[in-house]
Amino acid sequence: MDQRVSLVTLGVSDLERARAFYQALGWQPGPSPDHITFFQAGGMVVALWERAALAVDSGIDVDSDTEDTPGSGDSWGGKVVGVNLPSAADVDDQMKDAEAAGATVLRPASTRFWGGYSGVFTDLDGHVWEIAHNPFWTVTEDGQTFLGDGRG
């Protein structure tokens, strides 16, 4: 798996309030769909997304009290670390590598509603990772990720 982080998605309780907070810090939103806010942060992206929607998209069952479900229940911190890659085939390869290393796949890689391709897994301690290809963003050879036109 590539040793890099491209995206950190924070699950928030109120998107407008969270966006206003980050703007008060001096951060400027980049092109974003209505239901999420992206901030370009150097060569990576920070995203704000409604926490319940992020949980559903990531395969997290926040209502589960079962400790053997990685990333679920109260232990889920409401964040997902992401790696963006140049192609869907790269996503498949890195998901296979993660599973072979002992990761638990929460959502197998598949075409997503926003037009990209991604899968989600947890590491051995339940930290949630998304491996994605977003055709609307640019991923440079050294792994930097840059926002596109607001899709994805």
N, C-alpha and C. Protein backbone atom coordinates (compact mmCIF):
# COMPACT_ATOMS: atom_id res chain seq x y z
N MET A 1 0.85 -1.19 0.00
CA MET A 1 0.00 0.00 0.00
C MET A 1 0.88 1.24 0.00
N ASP A 2 0.47 2.25 -0.75
CA ASP A 2 1.23 3.49 -0.79
C ASP A 2 1.30 4.11 0.60
N GLN A 3 2.46 4.59 0.98
CA GLN A 3 2.65 5.22 2.29
C GLN A 3 2.38 6.72 2.16
N ARG A 4 1.09 7.04 2.23
CA ARG A 4 0.69 8.45 2.13
C ARG A 4 -0.75 8.59 2.61
N VAL A 5 -1.10 9.82 2.93
CA VAL A 5 -2.48 10.17 3.26
C VAL A 5 -2.88 11.28 2.30
N SER A 6 -4.01 11.11 1.63
CA SER A 6 -4.49 12.09 0.66
C SER A 6 -5.67 12.89 1.19
N LEU A 7 -6.44 12.26 2.08
CA LEU A 7 -7.70 12.84 2.50
C LEU A 7 -8.02 12.43 3.93
N VAL A 8 -8.46 13.39 4.72
CA VAL A 8 -9.02 13.10 6.03
C VAL A 8 -10.45 13.62 6.02
N THR A 9 -11.41 12.73 6.26
CA THR A 9 -12.81 13.13 6.29
C THR A 9 -13.29 13.11 7.74
N LEU A 10 -13.79 14.25 8.18
CA LEU A 10 -14.28 14.40 9.55
C LEU A 10 -15.81 14.35 9.54
N GLY A 11 -16.37 13.44 10.31
CA GLY A 11 -17.82 13.36 10.45
C GLY A 11 -18.29 14.43 11.42
N VAL A 12 -19.17 15.29 10.97
CA VAL A 12 -19.62 16.43 11.79
C VAL A 12 -21.12 16.34 12.05
N SER A 13 -21.55 16.94 13.15
CA SER A 13 -22.97 16.91 13.50
C SER A 13 -23.77 17.97 12.76
N ASP A 14 -23.13 19.06 12.33
CA ASP A 14 -23.80 20.15 11.65
C ASP A 14 -22.84 20.71 10.62
N LEU A 15 -23.06 20.40 9.35
CA LEU A 15 -22.13 20.78 8.29
C LEU A 15 -21.95 22.29 8.19
N GLU A 16 -23.03 23.04 8.23
CA GLU A 16 -22.93 24.50 8.11
C GLU A 16 -22.11 25.09 9.26
N ARG A 17 -22.36 24.61 10.48
CA ARG A 17 -21.62 25.10 11.65
C ARG A 17 -20.14 24.75 11.52
N ALA A 18 -19.85 23.53 11.10
CA ALA A 18 -18.45 23.09 10.96
C ALA A 18 -17.75 23.90 9.86
N ARG A 19 -18.44 24.10 8.73
CA ARG A 19 -17.85 24.89 7.65
C ARG A 19 -17.53 26.30 8.14
N ALA A 20 -18.47 26.91 8.86
CA ALA A 20 -18.25 28.27 9.38
C ALA A 20 -17.07 28.31 10.34
N PHE A 21 -16.91 27.27 11.16
CA PHE A 21 -15.79 27.21 12.09
C PHE A 21 -14.46 27.20 11.33
N TYR A 22 -14.34 26.34 10.34
CA TYR A 22 -13.08 26.25 9.60
C TYR A 22 -12.82 27.52 8.80
N GLN A 23 -13.88 28.14 8.30
CA GLN A 23 -13.70 29.41 7.61
C GLN A 23 -13.24 30.49 8.58
N ALA A 24 -13.73 30.46 9.82
CA ALA A 24 -13.28 31.42 10.84
C ALA A 24 -11.80 31.21 11.17
N LEU A 25 -11.31 29.99 10.96
CA LEU A 25 -9.88 29.72 11.15
C LEU A 25 -9.05 30.24 9.98
N GLY A 26 -9.72 30.68 8.92
CA GLY A 26 -9.03 31.18 7.74
C GLY A 26 -8.98 30.19 6.59
N TRP A 27 -9.60 29.04 6.74
CA TRP A 27 -9.62 28.04 5.67
C TRP A 27 -10.67 28.41 4.64
N GLN A 28 -10.37 28.23 3.36
CA GLN A 28 -11.31 28.54 2.29
C GLN A 28 -11.78 27.24 1.64
N PRO A 29 -13.10 27.02 1.57
CA PRO A 29 -13.60 25.81 0.92
C PRO A 29 -13.23 25.78 -0.56
N GLY A 30 -12.98 24.59 -1.04
CA GLY A 30 -12.76 24.40 -2.47
C GLY A 30 -14.06 23.96 -3.12
N PRO A 31 -14.03 23.69 -4.41
CA PRO A 31 -15.23 23.20 -5.09
C PRO A 31 -15.74 21.93 -4.40
N SER A 32 -17.02 21.92 -4.04
CA SER A 32 -17.59 20.82 -3.27
C SER A 32 -19.05 20.60 -3.65
N PRO A 33 -19.52 19.34 -3.60
CA PRO A 33 -20.97 19.11 -3.74
C PRO A 33 -21.70 19.71 -2.54
N ASP A 34 -23.02 19.81 -2.61
CA ASP A 34 -23.80 20.43 -1.54
C ASP A 34 -23.67 19.73 -0.19
N HIS A 35 -23.53 18.42 -0.17
CA HIS A 35 -23.59 17.64 1.07
C HIS A 35 -22.25 17.44 1.78
N ILE A 36 -21.18 18.02 1.24
CA ILE A 36 -19.84 17.84 1.81
C ILE A 36 -19.05 19.12 1.53
N THR A 37 -18.07 19.39 2.37
CA THR A 37 -17.19 20.54 2.13
C THR A 37 -15.76 20.05 2.06
N PHE A 38 -15.05 20.42 0.98
CA PHE A 38 -13.65 20.07 0.81
C PHE A 38 -12.79 21.31 1.02
N PHE A 39 -11.67 21.12 1.69
CA PHE A 39 -10.66 22.15 1.85
C PHE A 39 -9.35 21.61 1.28
N GLN A 40 -8.72 22.34 0.38
CA GLN A 40 -7.39 21.96 -0.08
C GLN A 40 -6.43 22.30 1.05
N ALA A 41 -5.66 21.34 1.48
CA ALA A 41 -4.73 21.53 2.61
C ALA A 41 -3.34 21.09 2.15
N GLY A 42 -2.64 22.00 1.48
CA GLY A 42 -1.37 21.63 0.89
C GLY A 42 -1.62 20.61 -0.21
N GLY A 43 -0.90 19.50 -0.19
CA GLY A 43 -1.06 18.47 -1.19
C GLY A 43 -2.06 17.40 -0.79
N MET A 44 -2.94 17.73 0.15
CA MET A 44 -3.99 16.78 0.54
C MET A 44 -5.30 17.53 0.73
N VAL A 45 -6.35 16.81 1.08
CA VAL A 45 -7.68 17.39 1.22
C VAL A 45 -8.24 17.04 2.59
N VAL A 46 -8.91 18.01 3.22
CA VAL A 46 -9.69 17.77 4.44
C VAL A 46 -11.15 17.95 4.05
N ALA A 47 -11.98 16.98 4.44
CA ALA A 47 -13.40 17.02 4.10
C ALA A 47 -14.24 17.05 5.37
N LEU A 48 -15.36 17.74 5.31
CA LEU A 48 -16.38 17.73 6.36
C LEU A 48 -17.62 17.09 5.76
N TRP A 49 -18.17 16.10 6.47
CA TRP A 49 -19.36 15.40 5.98
C TRP A 49 -20.21 15.03 7.17
N GLU A 50 -21.50 15.07 7.04
CA GLU A 50 -22.41 14.72 8.12
C GLU A 50 -22.03 13.34 8.65
N ARG A 51 -21.87 13.26 9.97
CA ARG A 51 -21.31 12.05 10.61
C ARG A 51 -22.10 10.78 10.28
N ALA A 52 -23.42 10.83 10.33
CA ALA A 52 -24.22 9.63 10.05
C ALA A 52 -24.04 9.19 8.61
N ALA A 53 -23.98 10.12 7.66
CA ALA A 53 -23.78 9.77 6.25
C ALA A 53 -22.40 9.16 6.05
N LEU A 54 -21.39 9.71 6.71
CA LEU A 54 -20.04 9.15 6.62
C LEU A 54 -20.01 7.73 7.16
N ALA A 55 -20.70 7.50 8.26
CA ALA A 55 -20.74 6.15 8.84
C ALA A 55 -21.37 5.17 7.86
N VAL A 56 -22.52 5.53 7.30
CA VAL A 56 -23.20 4.64 6.36
C VAL A 56 -22.31 4.36 5.16
N ASP A 57 -21.71 5.41 4.59
CA ASP A 57 -20.86 5.25 3.41
C ASP A 57 -19.65 4.37 3.69
N SER A 58 -19.17 4.39 4.92
CA SER A 58 -17.97 3.64 5.30
C SER A 58 -18.27 2.22 5.77
N GLY A 59 -19.54 1.87 5.88
CA GLY A 59 -19.89 0.54 6.37
C GLY A 59 -19.82 0.41 7.87
N ILE A 60 -19.94 1.54 8.57
CA ILE A 60 -19.88 1.57 10.02
C ILE A 60 -21.29 1.47 10.58
N ASP A 61 -21.50 0.57 11.52
CA ASP A 61 -22.79 0.44 12.20
C ASP A 61 -22.64 1.11 13.56
N VAL A 62 -22.96 2.40 13.63
CA VAL A 62 -22.76 3.15 14.88
C VAL A 62 -23.71 2.70 15.98
N ASP A 63 -24.75 1.96 15.62
CA ASP A 63 -25.69 1.47 16.63
C ASP A 63 -25.28 0.11 17.19
N SER A 64 -24.21 -0.48 16.64
CA SER A 64 -23.77 -1.80 17.08
C SER A 64 -23.00 -1.71 18.38
N ASP A 65 -23.34 -2.57 19.31
CA ASP A 65 -22.58 -2.66 20.56
C ASP A 65 -21.65 -3.87 20.53
N THR A 66 -21.57 -4.53 19.38
CA THR A 66 -20.75 -5.72 19.25
C THR A 66 -19.29 -5.33 19.09
N GLU A 67 -18.46 -5.74 20.03
CA GLU A 67 -17.06 -5.35 19.99
C GLU A 67 -16.29 -6.02 18.86
N ASP A 68 -16.84 -7.08 18.27
CA ASP A 68 -16.10 -7.75 17.20
C ASP A 68 -16.38 -7.15 15.82
N THR A 69 -17.05 -6.00 15.77
CA THR A 69 -17.27 -5.29 14.52
C THR A 69 -16.32 -4.10 14.49
N PRO A 70 -15.17 -4.23 13.81
CA PRO A 70 -14.17 -3.15 13.84
C PRO A 70 -14.76 -1.81 13.40
N GLY A 71 -14.42 -0.78 14.12
CA GLY A 71 -14.82 0.57 13.76
C GLY A 71 -16.23 0.94 14.13
N SER A 72 -17.01 0.01 14.68
CA SER A 72 -18.43 0.28 14.93
C SER A 72 -18.70 0.73 16.35
N GLY A 73 -19.95 1.11 16.59
CA GLY A 73 -20.39 1.51 17.92
C GLY A 73 -19.74 2.80 18.38
N ASP A 74 -19.68 2.96 19.69
CA ASP A 74 -19.13 4.18 20.27
C ASP A 74 -17.64 4.33 20.01
N SER A 75 -16.96 3.24 19.65
CA SER A 75 -15.52 3.33 19.45
C SER A 75 -15.16 4.08 18.17
N TRP A 76 -16.13 4.25 17.25
CA TRP A 76 -15.82 4.94 16.01
C TRP A 76 -15.64 6.42 16.28
N GLY A 77 -14.52 6.96 15.86
CA GLY A 77 -14.17 8.35 16.15
C GLY A 77 -14.75 9.37 15.20
N GLY A 78 -15.51 8.93 14.20
CA GLY A 78 -16.12 9.89 13.29
C GLY A 78 -15.17 10.45 12.26
N LYS A 79 -14.13 9.70 11.93
CA LYS A 79 -13.19 10.16 10.91
C LYS A 79 -12.74 8.99 10.07
N VAL A 80 -12.37 9.30 8.83
CA VAL A 80 -11.87 8.31 7.89
C VAL A 80 -10.62 8.89 7.24
N VAL A 81 -9.55 8.11 7.23
CA VAL A 81 -8.31 8.50 6.57
C VAL A 81 -8.35 7.92 5.16
N GLY A 82 -8.00 8.72 4.17
CA GLY A 82 -8.10 8.26 2.80
C GLY A 82 -6.80 8.31 2.03
N VAL A 83 -6.69 7.42 1.06
CA VAL A 83 -5.61 7.42 0.10
C VAL A 83 -6.25 7.46 -1.28
N ASN A 84 -5.95 8.49 -2.05
CA ASN A 84 -6.46 8.60 -3.42
C ASN A 84 -5.40 8.10 -4.38
N LEU A 85 -5.86 7.37 -5.38
CA LEU A 85 -4.97 6.71 -6.33
C LEU A 85 -5.36 7.05 -7.76
N PRO A 86 -4.44 6.85 -8.71
CA PRO A 86 -4.71 7.23 -10.09
C PRO A 86 -5.74 6.38 -10.83
N SER A 87 -6.05 5.15 -10.35
CA SER A 87 -6.98 4.32 -11.11
C SER A 87 -7.75 3.37 -10.19
N ALA A 88 -8.86 2.85 -10.70
CA ALA A 88 -9.65 1.86 -9.97
C ALA A 88 -8.84 0.59 -9.76
N ALA A 89 -8.03 0.21 -10.74
CA ALA A 89 -7.20 -0.99 -10.60
C ALA A 89 -6.22 -0.83 -9.43
N ASP A 90 -5.70 0.37 -9.23
CA ASP A 90 -4.80 0.63 -8.09
C ASP A 90 -5.56 0.45 -6.78
N VAL A 91 -6.82 0.87 -6.75
CA VAL A 91 -7.66 0.69 -5.55
C VAL A 91 -7.80 -0.79 -5.25
N ASP A 92 -8.14 -1.57 -6.27
CA ASP A 92 -8.30 -3.02 -6.08
C ASP A 92 -7.02 -3.64 -5.53
N ASP A 93 -5.87 -3.26 -6.10
CA ASP A 93 -4.59 -3.82 -5.65
C ASP A 93 -4.32 -3.47 -4.18
N GLN A 94 -4.57 -2.23 -3.79
CA GLN A 94 -4.26 -1.83 -2.42
C GLN A 94 -5.26 -2.39 -1.42
N MET A 95 -6.51 -2.57 -1.84
CA MET A 95 -7.47 -3.24 -0.96
C MET A 95 -7.05 -4.69 -0.71
N LYS A 96 -6.58 -5.37 -1.76
CA LYS A 96 -6.10 -6.75 -1.61
C LYS A 96 -4.90 -6.80 -0.67
N ASP A 97 -3.97 -5.85 -0.82
CA ASP A 97 -2.79 -5.79 0.05
C ASP A 97 -3.20 -5.58 1.51
N ALA A 98 -4.17 -4.69 1.73
CA ALA A 98 -4.63 -4.42 3.10
C ALA A 98 -5.26 -5.65 3.71
N GLU A 99 -6.11 -6.33 2.94
CA GLU A 99 -6.76 -7.53 3.45
C GLU A 99 -5.73 -8.62 3.75
N ALA A 100 -4.74 -8.77 2.88
CA ALA A 100 -3.70 -9.77 3.09
C ALA A 100 -2.88 -9.46 4.35
N ALA A 101 -2.77 -8.19 4.70
CA ALA A 101 -2.03 -7.79 5.88
C ALA A 101 -2.84 -7.93 7.16
N GLY A 102 -4.13 -8.26 7.04
CA GLY A 102 -4.97 -8.47 8.21
C GLY A 102 -6.08 -7.46 8.41
N ALA A 103 -6.25 -6.54 7.46
CA ALA A 103 -7.34 -5.56 7.55
C ALA A 103 -8.69 -6.25 7.44
N THR A 104 -9.70 -5.61 8.02
CA THR A 104 -11.08 -6.06 7.89
C THR A 104 -11.78 -5.16 6.88
N VAL A 105 -12.26 -5.75 5.80
CA VAL A 105 -12.94 -4.97 4.76
C VAL A 105 -14.35 -4.65 5.23
N LEU A 106 -14.67 -3.36 5.30
CA LEU A 106 -16.02 -2.91 5.67
C LEU A 106 -16.89 -2.72 4.44
N ARG A 107 -16.29 -2.24 3.37
CA ARG A 107 -17.00 -2.05 2.11
C ARG A 107 -16.04 -2.38 0.98
N PRO A 108 -16.30 -3.48 0.27
CA PRO A 108 -15.42 -3.83 -0.85
C PRO A 108 -15.38 -2.71 -1.88
N ALA A 109 -14.29 -2.63 -2.60
CA ALA A 109 -14.15 -1.60 -3.63
C ALA A 109 -15.25 -1.75 -4.67
N SER A 110 -15.86 -0.62 -5.01
CA SER A 110 -16.94 -0.61 -6.00
C SER A 110 -17.11 0.80 -6.55
N THR A 111 -17.87 0.90 -7.63
CA THR A 111 -18.22 2.21 -8.18
C THR A 111 -19.14 2.91 -7.20
N ARG A 112 -18.89 4.20 -6.96
CA ARG A 112 -19.62 4.96 -5.95
C ARG A 112 -20.60 5.94 -6.59
N PHE A 113 -21.59 6.35 -5.81
CA PHE A 113 -22.64 7.25 -6.28
C PHE A 113 -22.09 8.58 -6.77
N TRP A 114 -20.93 9.00 -6.30
CA TRP A 114 -20.35 10.29 -6.66
C TRP A 114 -19.49 10.23 -7.92
N GLY A 115 -19.39 9.04 -8.52
CA GLY A 115 -18.69 8.92 -9.79
C GLY A 115 -17.29 8.34 -9.71
N GLY A 116 -16.84 8.01 -8.52
CA GLY A 116 -15.52 7.42 -8.36
C GLY A 116 -15.60 5.95 -8.01
N TYR A 117 -14.53 5.44 -7.44
CA TYR A 117 -14.40 4.03 -7.11
C TYR A 117 -13.64 3.94 -5.81
N SER A 118 -14.18 3.21 -4.82
CA SER A 118 -13.46 3.14 -3.54
C SER A 118 -13.89 1.92 -2.73
N GLY A 119 -13.05 1.61 -1.75
CA GLY A 119 -13.33 0.57 -0.77
C GLY A 119 -12.89 1.06 0.59
N VAL A 120 -13.41 0.43 1.65
CA VAL A 120 -13.12 0.86 3.02
C VAL A 120 -12.71 -0.35 3.84
N PHE A 121 -11.69 -0.16 4.69
CA PHE A 121 -11.28 -1.21 5.61
C PHE A 121 -10.87 -0.61 6.94
N THR A 122 -10.75 -1.47 7.95
CA THR A 122 -10.18 -1.03 9.22
C THR A 122 -8.86 -1.74 9.42
N ASP A 123 -7.96 -1.04 10.11
CA ASP A 123 -6.71 -1.69 10.49
C ASP A 123 -6.96 -2.55 11.72
N LEU A 124 -5.93 -3.09 12.31
CA LEU A 124 -6.08 -4.02 13.42
C LEU A 124 -6.67 -3.39 14.67
N ASP A 125 -6.62 -2.05 14.77
CA ASP A 125 -7.18 -1.36 15.94
C ASP A 125 -8.49 -0.66 15.64
N GLY A 126 -9.07 -0.91 14.47
CA GLY A 126 -10.37 -0.34 14.14
C GLY A 126 -10.33 1.03 13.49
N HIS A 127 -9.14 1.54 13.13
CA HIS A 127 -9.05 2.82 12.42
C HIS A 127 -9.53 2.61 10.99
N VAL A 128 -10.40 3.51 10.53
CA VAL A 128 -11.07 3.36 9.24
C VAL A 128 -10.27 4.07 8.15
N TRP A 129 -10.04 3.32 7.05
CA TRP A 129 -9.32 3.83 5.89
C TRP A 129 -10.19 3.66 4.65
N GLU A 130 -10.18 4.65 3.77
CA GLU A 130 -10.83 4.54 2.47
C GLU A 130 -9.74 4.62 1.40
N ILE A 131 -9.76 3.68 0.47
CA ILE A 131 -8.86 3.70 -0.67
C ILE A 131 -9.72 4.05 -1.87
N ALA A 132 -9.37 5.14 -2.58
CA ALA A 132 -10.28 5.67 -3.59
C ALA A 132 -9.57 6.13 -4.86
N HIS A 133 -10.33 6.10 -5.92
CA HIS A 133 -9.97 6.77 -7.17
C HIS A 133 -11.09 7.77 -7.45
N ASN A 134 -10.74 9.04 -7.50
CA ASN A 134 -11.70 10.09 -7.82
C ASN A 134 -11.30 10.66 -9.18
N PRO A 135 -12.04 10.35 -10.23
CA PRO A 135 -11.65 10.80 -11.57
C PRO A 135 -11.72 12.31 -11.76
N PHE A 136 -12.30 13.02 -10.80
CA PHE A 136 -12.45 14.47 -10.91
C PHE A 136 -11.31 15.22 -10.22
N TRP A 137 -10.46 14.51 -9.49
CA TRP A 137 -9.33 15.10 -8.79
C TRP A 137 -8.04 14.70 -9.47
N THR A 138 -6.96 15.42 -9.16
CA THR A 138 -5.65 15.12 -9.70
C THR A 138 -4.79 14.50 -8.61
N VAL A 139 -4.17 13.36 -8.91
CA VAL A 139 -3.19 12.74 -8.02
C VAL A 139 -1.86 12.78 -8.75
N THR A 140 -0.88 13.47 -8.16
CA THR A 140 0.43 13.60 -8.81
C THR A 140 1.26 12.34 -8.57
N GLU A 141 2.36 12.23 -9.29
CA GLU A 141 3.23 11.06 -9.15
C GLU A 141 3.74 10.88 -7.72
N ASP A 142 3.93 11.99 -6.99
CA ASP A 142 4.42 11.88 -5.62
C ASP A 142 3.28 11.78 -4.60
N GLY A 143 2.04 11.58 -5.08
CA GLY A 143 0.91 11.31 -4.20
C GLY A 143 0.12 12.51 -3.73
N GLN A 144 0.48 13.72 -4.15
CA GLN A 144 -0.33 14.86 -3.75
C GLN A 144 -1.69 14.77 -4.43
N THR A 145 -2.71 15.26 -3.72
CA THR A 145 -4.07 15.19 -4.23
C THR A 145 -4.65 16.59 -4.29
N PHE A 146 -5.22 16.94 -5.44
CA PHE A 146 -5.74 18.28 -5.65
C PHE A 146 -7.20 18.21 -6.11
N LEU A 147 -8.02 19.08 -5.50
CA LEU A 147 -9.44 19.15 -5.82
C LEU A 147 -9.66 19.47 -7.29
N GLY A 148 -10.78 18.97 -7.80
CA GLY A 148 -11.16 19.25 -9.17
C GLY A 148 -12.28 20.26 -9.24
N ASP A 149 -13.32 19.93 -9.96
CA ASP A 149 -14.38 20.88 -10.25
C ASP A 149 -15.57 20.84 -9.29
N GLY A 150 -15.45 20.11 -8.19
CA GLY A 150 -16.53 20.08 -7.21
C GLY A 150 -17.31 18.79 -7.20
N ARG A 151 -17.04 17.90 -8.14
CA ARG A 151 -17.69 16.59 -8.12
C ARG A 151 -16.84 15.65 -7.26
N GLY A 152 -17.51 14.63 -6.74
CA GLY A 152 -16.77 13.60 -6.00
C GLY A 152 -16.55 13.87 -4.56
